[in-house]
Amino acid sequence: MTFKKLTALAMTSALASTAAFAESHEDRSDWPESFTVGTASQGGTYFAYGSGWANLVAEELGLTGGGEVTGGPMQNMALVHTGEAQFGMTTMGPAAESLQGTNPIAPGLQMTNACAMFPMYQTPFSITALSSSGIMSVADIPDGARIGFGPAGSTSDTYFPRMMEELGVNFERRNGGWSDLGGQLQDGLLDVIAFAAGVPVPAVSQLEVQTDVNIIEFTEEEQAAIMEAFPVSAFEISADIYTTLEEPARSVSMWNFAIANCDLPESFVYAVVDVVMSDNERMMNIHRAARSTLPENWDKNTVMMWHPGAARWFTENAGAEIAADMIYGDM
């Protein structure tokens, strides 16, 4: 489970607000001197969003920290569970599978040492093809189409192939980072990319600049069939997200949460959550998907145990009523 470090911040001096925080809260004697956040591949929302909040936390708390390229939600659950990464990001489906011991990275291992930290955003499932392909709907996808599903083990790779099968699509499965798959689509090596990522997906935005694309929505019947078969909810991709869209695109989505190793100090995780959740405008400057990174969305976690530090923050600052048996160590 090794991975390449992409970004890291040098030790910085804490800002005035940080100093005030340190003076008014528990001491930092048990805090780690550095941290990493497991994200996903470059070109996807996880990498941009995760590296952004990692850097923000490092700056605000005067620590060394940054984002790491990983295989996405499934691997992040494993990395955080084992402590190889202090923090990570996952979606509710992969989180549930990991807790049940069905994570393909370590079959049989129940990854119960990864705790919920804060709500991020919903991950829409969307399909992109070149306009020149003539593919304008799921029904237009040709038999045996080469479909890129993102990194192996990602939320997209875990669920989108099953969704395509549910809708009767026959395909050749391809994996890779979102940026690489975008290049392959543009070069004619792929017919379709099936994205599961917060919008706007950087790779799609880049494709829009370079060529003409079709962003393919589900029909009402297709949406209903997917919602019946998978742990997702109805979602609309707003028309202002992509220049290609002239009206909202019908989709489905799955919630994402930031996760923390359950053994991290309570005061440390409380401080991290405070940095991220106390100023949504700063998070929006990192990525527009953060419009949903709001305290009131704490209740979207129905799967993972809460880290005690995170549970305390949402109880004190968002009026959350989190059951004791959903807080790690309080059972």
C-alpha atoms as a PDB file:
ATOM      1  CA  MET A   1       0.000   0.000   0.000  1.00  0.00           C
ATOM      2  CA  THR A   2       2.800   2.408  -0.775  1.00  0.00           C
ATOM      3  CA  PHE A   3       2.046   5.577  -2.673  1.00  0.00           C
ATOM      4  CA  LYS A   4       3.862   8.556  -4.108  1.00  0.00           C
ATOM      5  CA  LYS A   5       3.882  11.806  -2.186  1.00  0.00           C
ATOM      6  CA  LEU A   6       2.797  14.599  -4.456  1.00  0.00           C
ATOM      7  CA  THR A   7       2.555  17.649  -2.276  1.00  0.00           C
ATOM      8  CA  ALA A   8       3.881  18.597   1.113  1.00  0.00           C
ATOM      9  CA  LEU A   9       4.080  21.876   2.921  1.00  0.00           C
ATOM     10  CA  ALA A  10       7.174  22.911   4.778  1.00  0.00           C
ATOM     11  CA  MET A  11       6.723  23.850   8.399  1.00  0.00           C
ATOM     12  CA  THR A  12       4.999  27.202   8.492  1.00  0.00           C
ATOM     13  CA  SER A  13       4.452  29.716  11.267  1.00  0.00           C
ATOM     14  CA  ALA A  14       0.975  29.529  12.688  1.00  0.00           C
ATOM     15  CA  LEU A  15      -1.360  32.369  11.896  1.00  0.00           C
ATOM     16  CA  ALA A  16      -2.761  34.586  14.627  1.00  0.00           C
ATOM     17  CA  SER A  17      -5.936  32.535  14.703  1.00  0.00           C
ATOM     18  CA  THR A  18      -3.839  29.417  15.141  1.00  0.00           C
ATOM     19  CA  ALA A  19      -2.033  30.880  18.108  1.00  0.00           C
ATOM     20  CA  ALA A  20      -5.362  31.816  19.664  1.00  0.00           C
ATOM     21  CA  PHE A  21      -6.584  28.269  19.080  1.00  0.00           C
ATOM     22  CA  ALA A  22      -3.511  26.793  20.744  1.00  0.00           C
ATOM     23  CA  GLU A  23      -3.890  29.061  23.766  1.00  0.00           C
ATOM     24  CA  SER A  24      -7.554  28.275  24.306  1.00  0.00           C
ATOM     25  CA  HIS A  25      -7.517  24.507  23.733  1.00  0.00           C
ATOM     26  CA  GLU A  26      -5.628  21.439  24.845  1.00  0.00           C
ATOM     27  CA  ASP A  27      -1.886  21.408  24.384  1.00  0.00           C
ATOM     28  CA  ARG A  28      -0.357  19.751  21.340  1.00  0.00           C
ATOM     29  CA  SER A  29       1.994  17.372  23.091  1.00  0.00           C
ATOM     30  CA  ASP A  30       0.317  14.319  21.563  1.00  0.00           C
ATOM     31  CA  TRP A  31      -0.237  15.796  18.102  1.00  0.00           C
ATOM     32  CA  PRO A  32       1.717  14.393  15.138  1.00  0.00           C
ATOM     33  CA  GLU A  33       4.285  16.784  13.631  1.00  0.00           C
ATOM     34  CA  SER A  34       3.099  15.984  10.112  1.00  0.00           C
ATOM     35  CA  PHE A  35       0.184  14.384   8.337  1.00  0.00           C
ATOM     36  CA  THR A  36      -0.911  13.085   4.951  1.00  0.00           C
ATOM     37  CA  VAL A  37      -4.324  13.034   3.275  1.00  0.00           C
ATOM     38  CA  GLY A  38      -5.069  10.151   0.913  1.00  0.00           C
ATOM     39  CA  THR A  39      -6.785  11.559  -2.197  1.00  0.00           C
ATOM     40  CA  ALA A  40      -6.960   9.824  -5.616  1.00  0.00           C
ATOM     41  CA  SER A  41      -5.491  10.282  -9.093  1.00  0.00           C
ATOM     42  CA  GLN A  42      -4.538  13.613 -10.631  1.00  0.00           C
ATOM     43  CA  GLY A  43      -7.258  15.135 -12.787  1.00  0.00           C
ATOM     44  CA  GLY A  44     -10.017  14.061 -10.402  1.00  0.00           C
ATOM     45  CA  THR A  45     -11.893  16.060  -7.798  1.00  0.00           C
ATOM     46  CA  TYR A  46     -10.465  14.105  -4.853  1.00  0.00           C
ATOM     47  CA  PHE A  47      -6.940  15.202  -5.682  1.00  0.00           C
ATOM     48  CA  ALA A  48      -7.794  18.889  -6.089  1.00  0.00           C
ATOM     49  CA  TYR A  49     -10.148  19.019  -3.100  1.00  0.00           C
ATOM     50  CA  GLY A  50      -8.009  16.842  -0.815  1.00  0.00           C
ATOM     51  CA  SER A  51      -4.702  18.549  -1.531  1.00  0.00           C
ATOM     52  CA  GLY A  52      -6.457  21.879  -1.007  1.00  0.00           C
ATOM     53  CA  TRP A  53      -7.804  21.164   2.464  1.00  0.00           C
ATOM     54  CA  ALA A  54      -4.579  19.415   3.459  1.00  0.00           C
ATOM     55  CA  ASN A  55      -2.608  22.528   2.610  1.00  0.00           C
ATOM     56  CA  LEU A  56      -5.155  24.751   4.368  1.00  0.00           C
ATOM     57  CA  VAL A  57      -4.958  22.696   7.562  1.00  0.00           C
ATOM     58  CA  ALA A  58      -1.161  22.605   7.442  1.00  0.00           C
ATOM     59  CA  GLU A  59      -1.014  26.381   7.100  1.00  0.00           C
ATOM     60  CA  GLU A  60      -3.605  27.137   9.764  1.00  0.00           C
ATOM     61  CA  LEU A  61      -2.239  24.699  12.334  1.00  0.00           C
ATOM     62  CA  GLY A  62       1.443  25.258  11.608  1.00  0.00           C
ATOM     63  CA  LEU A  63       2.141  21.651  10.652  1.00  0.00           C
ATOM     64  CA  THR A  64       3.772  19.818   7.771  1.00  0.00           C
ATOM     65  CA  GLY A  65       1.156  18.134   5.642  1.00  0.00           C
ATOM     66  CA  GLY A  66      -0.211  17.576   2.172  1.00  0.00           C
ATOM     67  CA  GLY A  67      -2.178  15.385  -0.186  1.00  0.00           C
ATOM     68  CA  GLU A  68      -1.090  12.010  -1.537  1.00  0.00           C
ATOM     69  CA  VAL A  69      -1.965  10.381  -4.852  1.00  0.00           C
ATOM     70  CA  THR A  70      -3.755   7.086  -4.121  1.00  0.00           C
ATOM     71  CA  GLY A  71      -6.134   4.672  -5.790  1.00  0.00           C
ATOM     72  CA  GLY A  72      -9.115   6.500  -4.291  1.00  0.00           C
ATOM     73  CA  PRO A  73     -11.792   5.639  -1.698  1.00  0.00           C
ATOM     74  CA  MET A  74     -11.117   1.914  -1.296  1.00  0.00           C
ATOM     75  CA  GLN A  75      -7.370   2.371  -0.867  1.00  0.00           C
ATOM     76  CA  ASN A  76      -7.890   5.390   1.360  1.00  0.00           C
ATOM     77  CA  MET A  77      -9.965   3.281   3.749  1.00  0.00           C
ATOM     78  CA  ALA A  78      -7.098   0.790   3.933  1.00  0.00           C
ATOM     79  CA  LEU A  79      -4.402   3.441   4.341  1.00  0.00           C
ATOM     80  CA  VAL A  80      -6.272   5.273   7.098  1.00  0.00           C
ATOM     81  CA  HIS A  81      -7.253   2.041   8.864  1.00  0.00           C
ATOM     82  CA  THR A  82      -3.606   0.931   9.058  1.00  0.00           C
ATOM     83  CA  GLY A  83      -2.320   4.415   9.901  1.00  0.00           C
ATOM     84  CA  GLU A  84      -0.195   4.738   6.747  1.00  0.00           C
ATOM     85  CA  ALA A  85      -2.182   7.925   6.121  1.00  0.00           C
ATOM     86  CA  GLN A  86      -3.594   9.968   8.977  1.00  0.00           C
ATOM     87  CA  PHE A  87      -6.493  11.226   6.885  1.00  0.00           C
ATOM     88  CA  GLY A  88      -8.247  10.297   3.669  1.00  0.00           C
ATOM     89  CA  MET A  89     -11.478  10.607   1.744  1.00  0.00           C
ATOM     90  CA  THR A  90     -14.055   7.992   0.857  1.00  0.00           C
ATOM     91  CA  THR A  91     -17.602   7.504  -0.361  1.00  0.00           C
ATOM     92  CA  MET A  92     -20.344   5.767   1.589  1.00  0.00           C
ATOM     93  CA  GLY A  93     -20.437   2.674  -0.637  1.00  0.00           C
ATOM     94  CA  PRO A  94     -16.715   1.827  -0.417  1.00  0.00           C
ATOM     95  CA  ALA A  95     -16.792   2.706   3.299  1.00  0.00           C
ATOM     96  CA  ALA A  96     -19.587   0.212   3.938  1.00  0.00           C
ATOM     97  CA  GLU A  97     -17.814  -2.503   1.952  1.00  0.00           C
ATOM     98  CA  SER A  98     -14.548  -1.855   3.801  1.00  0.00           C
ATOM     99  CA  LEU A  99     -16.235  -2.115   7.193  1.00  0.00           C
ATOM    100  CA  GLN A 100     -17.860  -5.385   6.125  1.00  0.00           C
ATOM    101  CA  GLY A 101     -14.510  -6.834   5.074  1.00  0.00           C
ATOM    102  CA  THR A 102     -15.213  -6.887   1.332  1.00  0.00           C
ATOM    103  CA  ASN A 103     -12.687  -4.220   0.273  1.00  0.00           C
ATOM    104  CA  PRO A 104     -10.815  -5.865  -2.639  1.00  0.00           C
ATOM    105  CA  ILE A 105      -7.498  -4.454  -1.399  1.00  0.00           C
ATOM    106  CA  ALA A 106      -7.621  -6.641   1.710  1.00  0.00           C
ATOM    107  CA  PRO A 107     -10.508  -9.130   1.492  1.00  0.00           C
ATOM    108  CA  GLY A 108     -11.685 -10.288   4.894  1.00  0.00           C
ATOM    109  CA  LEU A 109     -10.180  -7.349   6.803  1.00  0.00           C
ATOM    110  CA  GLN A 110     -12.824  -5.231   8.510  1.00  0.00           C
ATOM    111  CA  MET A 111     -11.412  -1.715   8.334  1.00  0.00           C
ATOM    112  CA  THR A 112     -12.977  -0.438  11.536  1.00  0.00           C
ATOM    113  CA  ASN A 113     -10.109   1.901  12.485  1.00  0.00           C
ATOM    114  CA  ALA A 114     -11.129   4.500   9.882  1.00  0.00           C
ATOM    115  CA  CYS A 115     -13.525   7.044  11.403  1.00  0.00           C
ATOM    116  CA  ALA A 116     -15.798   9.689   9.914  1.00  0.00           C
ATOM    117  CA  MET A 117     -14.445  13.239  10.194  1.00  0.00           C
ATOM    118  CA  PHE A 118     -16.543  15.676   8.116  1.00  0.00           C
ATOM    119  CA  PRO A 119     -18.969  15.707   5.148  1.00  0.00           C
ATOM    120  CA  MET A 120     -17.455  16.721   1.821  1.00  0.00           C
ATOM    121  CA  TYR A 121     -19.854  16.605  -1.118  1.00  0.00           C
ATOM    122  CA  GLN A 122     -21.912  14.293  -3.257  1.00  0.00           C
ATOM    123  CA  THR A 123     -20.238  12.338  -6.028  1.00  0.00           C
ATOM    124  CA  PRO A 124     -22.375  12.369  -9.186  1.00  0.00           C
ATOM    125  CA  PHE A 125     -21.997   9.526 -11.669  1.00  0.00           C
ATOM    126  CA  SER A 126     -21.680  11.031 -15.146  1.00  0.00           C
ATOM    127  CA  ILE A 127     -20.710   9.928 -18.636  1.00  0.00           C
ATOM    128  CA  THR A 128     -18.630  11.881 -21.164  1.00  0.00           C
ATOM    129  CA  ALA A 129     -17.967  11.160 -24.838  1.00  0.00           C
ATOM    130  CA  LEU A 130     -16.549  13.178 -27.713  1.00  0.00           C
ATOM    131  CA  SER A 131     -19.244  14.944 -29.714  1.00  0.00           C
ATOM    132  CA  SER A 132     -17.703  13.466 -32.848  1.00  0.00           C
ATOM    133  CA  SER A 133     -18.572   9.957 -31.581  1.00  0.00           C
ATOM    134  CA  GLY A 134     -22.290  10.567 -32.004  1.00  0.00           C
ATOM    135  CA  ILE A 135     -22.912   9.111 -28.529  1.00  0.00           C
ATOM    136  CA  MET A 136     -25.622  11.245 -26.950  1.00  0.00           C
ATOM    137  CA  SER A 137     -27.305   8.757 -24.598  1.00  0.00           C
ATOM    138  CA  VAL A 138     -26.592   5.512 -22.773  1.00  0.00           C
ATOM    139  CA  ALA A 139     -28.545   3.702 -25.506  1.00  0.00           C
ATOM    140  CA  ASP A 140     -26.086   5.105 -28.080  1.00  0.00           C
ATOM    141  CA  ILE A 141     -23.064   3.444 -26.457  1.00  0.00           C
ATOM    142  CA  PRO A 142     -22.005   0.794 -28.980  1.00  0.00           C
ATOM    143  CA  ASP A 143     -21.640  -2.879 -28.169  1.00  0.00           C
ATOM    144  CA  GLY A 144     -18.119  -3.572 -26.890  1.00  0.00           C
ATOM    145  CA  ALA A 145     -17.391   0.120 -26.241  1.00  0.00           C
ATOM    146  CA  ARG A 146     -14.091   0.912 -24.556  1.00  0.00           C
ATOM    147  CA  ILE A 147     -15.100   2.627 -21.323  1.00  0.00           C
ATOM    148  CA  GLY A 148     -12.666   4.251 -18.889  1.00  0.00           C
ATOM    149  CA  PHE A 149     -13.829   3.786 -15.291  1.00  0.00           C
ATOM    150  CA  GLY A 150     -11.047   5.601 -13.443  1.00  0.00           C
ATOM    151  CA  PRO A 151      -8.394   4.124 -11.148  1.00  0.00           C
ATOM    152  CA  ALA A 152      -8.812   0.480 -10.134  1.00  0.00           C
ATOM    153  CA  GLY A 153     -10.632   0.276  -6.820  1.00  0.00           C
ATOM    154  CA  SER A 154     -12.056   3.792  -7.046  1.00  0.00           C
ATOM    155  CA  THR A 155     -15.730   4.548  -6.422  1.00  0.00           C
ATOM    156  CA  SER A 156     -16.243   4.824 -10.169  1.00  0.00           C
ATOM    157  CA  ASP A 157     -14.474   1.532 -10.886  1.00  0.00           C
ATOM    158  CA  THR A 158     -16.357  -0.220  -8.092  1.00  0.00           C
ATOM    159  CA  TYR A 159     -19.882   0.875  -9.032  1.00  0.00           C
ATOM    160  CA  PHE A 160     -20.051   2.258 -12.575  1.00  0.00           C
ATOM    161  CA  PRO A 161     -19.325  -1.047 -14.373  1.00  0.00           C
ATOM    162  CA  ARG A 162     -22.155  -2.651 -12.405  1.00  0.00           C
ATOM    163  CA  MET A 163     -24.429   0.261 -13.302  1.00  0.00           C
ATOM    164  CA  MET A 164     -23.589  -0.115 -16.990  1.00  0.00           C
ATOM    165  CA  GLU A 165     -24.363  -3.825 -16.780  1.00  0.00           C
ATOM    166  CA  GLU A 166     -27.659  -3.016 -15.032  1.00  0.00           C
ATOM    167  CA  LEU A 167     -28.528  -0.790 -18.013  1.00  0.00           C
ATOM    168  CA  GLY A 168     -27.617  -3.506 -20.524  1.00  0.00           C
ATOM    169  CA  VAL A 169     -24.385  -1.953 -21.820  1.00  0.00           C
ATOM    170  CA  ASN A 170     -21.682  -4.338 -23.065  1.00  0.00           C
ATOM    171  CA  PHE A 171     -18.191  -2.879 -22.770  1.00  0.00           C
ATOM    172  CA  GLU A 172     -14.452  -3.334 -22.501  1.00  0.00           C
ATOM    173  CA  ARG A 173     -13.273  -2.156 -19.092  1.00  0.00           C
ATOM    174  CA  ARG A 174     -10.335   0.248 -18.940  1.00  0.00           C
ATOM    175  CA  ASN A 175      -8.672   1.789 -15.875  1.00  0.00           C
ATOM    176  CA  GLY A 176      -6.359   4.717 -15.298  1.00  0.00           C
ATOM    177  CA  GLY A 177      -6.069   8.166 -13.781  1.00  0.00           C
ATOM    178  CA  TRP A 178      -8.683  10.676 -14.887  1.00  0.00           C
ATOM    179  CA  SER A 179      -6.190  12.901 -16.708  1.00  0.00           C
ATOM    180  CA  ASP A 180      -4.777   9.918 -18.595  1.00  0.00           C
ATOM    181  CA  LEU A 181      -8.243   8.666 -19.522  1.00  0.00           C
ATOM    182  CA  GLY A 182      -9.180  12.147 -20.744  1.00  0.00           C
ATOM    183  CA  GLY A 183      -6.172  12.073 -23.054  1.00  0.00           C
ATOM    184  CA  GLN A 184      -7.100   8.597 -24.309  1.00  0.00           C
ATOM    185  CA  LEU A 185     -10.657   9.735 -25.045  1.00  0.00           C
ATOM    186  CA  GLN A 186      -9.340  12.704 -27.007  1.00  0.00           C
ATOM    187  CA  ASP A 187      -6.944  10.436 -28.921  1.00  0.00           C
ATOM    188  CA  GLY A 188      -9.702   8.006 -29.876  1.00  0.00           C
ATOM    189  CA  LEU A 189      -8.422   5.190 -27.657  1.00  0.00           C
ATOM    190  CA  LEU A 190     -11.612   5.233 -25.567  1.00  0.00           C
ATOM    191  CA  ASP A 191     -15.245   5.618 -26.586  1.00  0.00           C
ATOM    192  CA  VAL A 192     -16.592   6.821 -23.252  1.00  0.00           C
ATOM    193  CA  ILE A 193     -15.401   7.844 -19.800  1.00  0.00           C
ATOM    194  CA  ALA A 194     -17.679   7.016 -16.868  1.00  0.00           C
ATOM    195  CA  PHE A 195     -16.843   9.489 -14.123  1.00  0.00           C
ATOM    196  CA  ALA A 196     -17.729   9.259 -10.457  1.00  0.00           C
ATOM    197  CA  ALA A 197     -16.262  12.462  -9.026  1.00  0.00           C
ATOM    198  CA  GLY A 198     -17.337  15.760  -7.559  1.00  0.00           C
ATOM    199  CA  VAL A 199     -18.275  18.296 -10.188  1.00  0.00           C
ATOM    200  CA  PRO A 200     -16.786  19.994 -12.010  1.00  0.00           C
ATOM    201  CA  VAL A 201     -14.402  17.128 -12.762  1.00  0.00           C
ATOM    202  CA  PRO A 202     -11.091  18.797 -13.692  1.00  0.00           C
ATOM    203  CA  ALA A 203     -10.484  16.332 -16.535  1.00  0.00           C
ATOM    204  CA  VAL A 204     -13.876  17.142 -18.091  1.00  0.00           C
ATOM    205  CA  SER A 205     -13.323  20.880 -17.754  1.00  0.00           C
ATOM    206  CA  GLN A 206      -9.985  20.430 -19.528  1.00  0.00           C
ATOM    207  CA  LEU A 207     -11.601  18.397 -22.310  1.00  0.00           C
ATOM    208  CA  GLU A 208     -14.170  21.137 -22.843  1.00  0.00           C
ATOM    209  CA  VAL A 209     -11.366  23.612 -23.482  1.00  0.00           C
ATOM    210  CA  GLN A 210      -9.643  21.345 -25.994  1.00  0.00           C
ATOM    211  CA  THR A 211     -12.513  19.708 -27.910  1.00  0.00           C
ATOM    212  CA  ASP A 212     -16.283  19.282 -28.166  1.00  0.00           C
ATOM    213  CA  VAL A 213     -17.784  16.784 -25.742  1.00  0.00           C
ATOM    214  CA  ASN A 214     -21.194  15.349 -24.862  1.00  0.00           C
ATOM    215  CA  ILE A 215     -22.082  15.059 -21.186  1.00  0.00           C
ATOM    216  CA  ILE A 216     -24.614  12.246 -21.180  1.00  0.00           C
ATOM    217  CA  GLU A 217     -27.462  12.186 -18.697  1.00  0.00           C
ATOM    218  CA  PHE A 218     -29.537   9.219 -17.579  1.00  0.00           C
ATOM    219  CA  THR A 219     -33.153   8.948 -18.658  1.00  0.00           C
ATOM    220  CA  GLU A 220     -35.740   8.914 -15.863  1.00  0.00           C
ATOM    221  CA  GLU A 221     -36.092   5.150 -16.317  1.00  0.00           C
ATOM    222  CA  GLU A 222     -32.329   4.584 -16.196  1.00  0.00           C
ATOM    223  CA  GLN A 223     -32.020   6.767 -13.108  1.00  0.00           C
ATOM    224  CA  ALA A 224     -34.792   4.848 -11.344  1.00  0.00           C
ATOM    225  CA  ALA A 225     -33.241   1.479 -12.216  1.00  0.00           C
ATOM    226  CA  ILE A 226     -29.850   2.507 -10.826  1.00  0.00           C
ATOM    227  CA  MET A 227     -31.376   3.916  -7.637  1.00  0.00           C
ATOM    228  CA  GLU A 228     -33.228   0.661  -7.122  1.00  0.00           C
ATOM    229  CA  ALA A 229     -30.070  -1.429  -7.485  1.00  0.00           C
ATOM    230  CA  PHE A 230     -27.381   0.695  -5.771  1.00  0.00           C
ATOM    231  CA  PRO A 231     -26.858   2.892  -2.639  1.00  0.00           C
ATOM    232  CA  VAL A 232     -27.268   6.176  -4.528  1.00  0.00           C
ATOM    233  CA  SER A 233     -29.770   9.033  -4.672  1.00  0.00           C
ATOM    234  CA  ALA A 234     -31.128  11.291  -7.412  1.00  0.00           C
ATOM    235  CA  PHE A 235     -28.891  14.193  -8.431  1.00  0.00           C
ATOM    236  CA  GLU A 236     -28.860  16.918 -11.070  1.00  0.00           C
ATOM    237  CA  ILE A 237     -25.616  18.332 -12.473  1.00  0.00           C
ATOM    238  CA  SER A 238     -26.303  22.047 -12.642  1.00  0.00           C
ATOM    239  CA  ALA A 239     -26.120  23.659 -16.074  1.00  0.00           C
ATOM    240  CA  ASP A 240     -23.580  26.207 -14.815  1.00  0.00           C
ATOM    241  CA  ILE A 241     -21.066  23.508 -13.905  1.00  0.00           C
ATOM    242  CA  TYR A 242     -19.887  22.866 -17.473  1.00  0.00           C
ATOM    243  CA  THR A 243     -19.917  25.129 -20.520  1.00  0.00           C
ATOM    244  CA  THR A 244     -21.189  22.146 -22.544  1.00  0.00           C
ATOM    245  CA  LEU A 245     -24.428  21.901 -20.579  1.00  0.00           C
ATOM    246  CA  GLU A 246     -27.389  24.027 -21.617  1.00  0.00           C
ATOM    247  CA  GLU A 247     -29.706  22.562 -18.961  1.00  0.00           C
ATOM    248  CA  PRO A 248     -29.297  20.386 -15.841  1.00  0.00           C
ATOM    249  CA  ALA A 249     -28.223  16.804 -16.466  1.00  0.00           C
ATOM    250  CA  ARG A 250     -29.996  13.949 -14.685  1.00  0.00           C
ATOM    251  CA  SER A 251     -27.636  11.802 -12.629  1.00  0.00           C
ATOM    252  CA  VAL A 252     -27.268   9.834  -9.391  1.00  0.00           C
ATOM    253  CA  SER A 253     -24.847  10.487  -6.548  1.00  0.00           C
ATOM    254  CA  MET A 254     -23.162   9.075  -3.448  1.00  0.00           C
ATOM    255  CA  TRP A 255     -21.974  11.092  -0.431  1.00  0.00           C
ATOM    256  CA  ASN A 256     -18.267  11.551   0.342  1.00  0.00           C
ATOM    257  CA  PHE A 257     -16.737  11.972   3.784  1.00  0.00           C
ATOM    258  CA  ALA A 258     -13.285  12.831   5.030  1.00  0.00           C
ATOM    259  CA  ILE A 259     -11.946  10.115   7.313  1.00  0.00           C
ATOM    260  CA  ALA A 260      -9.377   9.971  10.094  1.00  0.00           C
ATOM    261  CA  ASN A 261      -7.465   7.180  11.749  1.00  0.00           C
ATOM    262  CA  CYS A 262      -9.567   6.492  14.843  1.00  0.00           C
ATOM    263  CA  ASP A 263      -6.527   6.557  17.155  1.00  0.00           C
ATOM    264  CA  LEU A 264      -5.523  10.147  16.354  1.00  0.00           C
ATOM    265  CA  PRO A 265      -5.736  12.537  19.339  1.00  0.00           C
ATOM    266  CA  GLU A 266      -9.200  13.973  19.902  1.00  0.00           C
ATOM    267  CA  SER A 267      -7.962  17.569  20.157  1.00  0.00           C
ATOM    268  CA  PHE A 268      -6.012  17.237  16.891  1.00  0.00           C
ATOM    269  CA  VAL A 269      -8.996  16.002  14.872  1.00  0.00           C
ATOM    270  CA  TYR A 270     -11.227  18.629  16.512  1.00  0.00           C
ATOM    271  CA  ALA A 271      -8.787  21.317  15.335  1.00  0.00           C
ATOM    272  CA  VAL A 272      -8.652  19.927  11.797  1.00  0.00           C
ATOM    273  CA  VAL A 273     -12.447  19.803  11.535  1.00  0.00           C
ATOM    274  CA  ASP A 274     -12.641  23.355  12.901  1.00  0.00           C
ATOM    275  CA  VAL A 275     -10.320  24.654  10.174  1.00  0.00           C
ATOM    276  CA  VAL A 276     -12.281  22.991   7.372  1.00  0.00           C
ATOM    277  CA  MET A 277     -15.837  23.521   8.603  1.00  0.00           C
ATOM    278  CA  SER A 278     -15.622  27.029  10.075  1.00  0.00           C
ATOM    279  CA  ASP A 279     -15.179  28.936   6.790  1.00  0.00           C
ATOM    280  CA  ASN A 280     -16.966  27.535   3.747  1.00  0.00           C
ATOM    281  CA  GLU A 281     -15.816  30.406   1.538  1.00  0.00           C
ATOM    282  CA  ARG A 282     -12.218  29.265   1.891  1.00  0.00           C
ATOM    283  CA  MET A 283     -13.228  25.740   0.966  1.00  0.00           C
ATOM    284  CA  MET A 284     -15.179  27.006  -2.044  1.00  0.00           C
ATOM    285  CA  ASN A 285     -12.003  28.730  -3.207  1.00  0.00           C
ATOM    286  CA  ILE A 286     -10.332  25.299  -3.186  1.00  0.00           C
ATOM    287  CA  HIS A 287     -13.060  23.564  -5.200  1.00  0.00           C
ATOM    288  CA  ARG A 288     -16.662  24.375  -6.069  1.00  0.00           C
ATOM    289  CA  ALA A 289     -17.759  20.932  -4.876  1.00  0.00           C
ATOM    290  CA  ALA A 290     -17.223  22.314  -1.362  1.00  0.00           C
ATOM    291  CA  ARG A 291     -20.576  24.091  -1.622  1.00  0.00           C
ATOM    292  CA  SER A 292     -21.861  21.001   0.215  1.00  0.00           C
ATOM    293  CA  THR A 293     -19.069  20.959   2.819  1.00  0.00           C
ATOM    294  CA  LEU A 294     -21.452  22.353   5.422  1.00  0.00           C
ATOM    295  CA  PRO A 295     -21.939  21.505   9.120  1.00  0.00           C
ATOM    296  CA  GLU A 296     -25.605  20.590   8.639  1.00  0.00           C
ATOM    297  CA  ASN A 297     -24.602  17.703   6.365  1.00  0.00           C
ATOM    298  CA  TRP A 298     -23.083  15.778   9.277  1.00  0.00           C
ATOM    299  CA  ASP A 299     -26.148  13.518   9.218  1.00  0.00           C
ATOM    300  CA  LYS A 300     -25.257  12.119   5.786  1.00  0.00           C
ATOM    301  CA  ASN A 301     -22.937   9.627   7.501  1.00  0.00           C
ATOM    302  CA  THR A 302     -24.979   6.555   8.338  1.00  0.00           C
ATOM    303  CA  VAL A 303     -22.147   4.057   7.890  1.00  0.00           C
ATOM    304  CA  MET A 304     -18.952   4.875   9.811  1.00  0.00           C
ATOM    305  CA  MET A 305     -18.186   5.436  13.465  1.00  0.00           C
ATOM    306  CA  TRP A 306     -17.347   9.069  14.215  1.00  0.00           C
ATOM    307  CA  HIS A 307     -13.928  10.100  15.456  1.00  0.00           C
ATOM    308  CA  PRO A 308     -14.469  11.498  18.998  1.00  0.00           C
ATOM    309  CA  GLY A 309     -12.867  14.832  18.054  1.00  0.00           C
ATOM    310  CA  ALA A 310     -15.127  15.230  15.037  1.00  0.00           C
ATOM    311  CA  ALA A 311     -18.215  14.173  16.988  1.00  0.00           C
ATOM    312  CA  ARG A 312     -17.417  16.797  19.637  1.00  0.00           C
ATOM    313  CA  TRP A 313     -17.015  19.536  17.016  1.00  0.00           C
ATOM    314  CA  PHE A 314     -20.359  18.799  15.328  1.00  0.00           C
ATOM    315  CA  THR A 315     -22.123  18.455  18.680  1.00  0.00           C
ATOM    316  CA  GLU A 316     -20.770  21.797  19.916  1.00  0.00           C
ATOM    317  CA  ASN A 317     -20.969  23.762  16.672  1.00  0.00           C
ATOM    318  CA  ALA A 318     -23.711  22.216  14.532  1.00  0.00           C
ATOM    319  CA  GLY A 319     -26.203  20.972  17.101  1.00  0.00           C
ATOM    320  CA  ALA A 320     -25.538  17.407  16.001  1.00  0.00           C
ATOM    321  CA  GLU A 321     -27.138  14.629  17.985  1.00  0.00           C
ATOM    322  CA  ILE A 322     -24.781  11.730  17.424  1.00  0.00           C
ATOM    323  CA  ALA A 323     -25.658   8.496  19.189  1.00  0.00           C
ATOM    324  CA  ALA A 324     -23.010   7.269  21.636  1.00  0.00           C
ATOM    325  CA  ASP A 325     -22.781   3.959  19.846  1.00  0.00           C
ATOM    326  CA  MET A 326     -21.769   5.808  16.653  1.00  0.00           C
ATOM    327  CA  ILE A 327     -18.736   7.447  18.323  1.00  0.00           C
ATOM    328  CA  TYR A 328     -15.493   5.472  18.362  1.00  0.00           C
ATOM    329  CA  GLY A 329     -14.542   4.424  21.882  1.00  0.00           C
ATOM    330  CA  ASP A 330     -17.927   5.335  23.383  1.00  0.00           C
ATOM    331  CA  MET A 331     -19.606   1.996  22.790  1.00  0.00           C
END
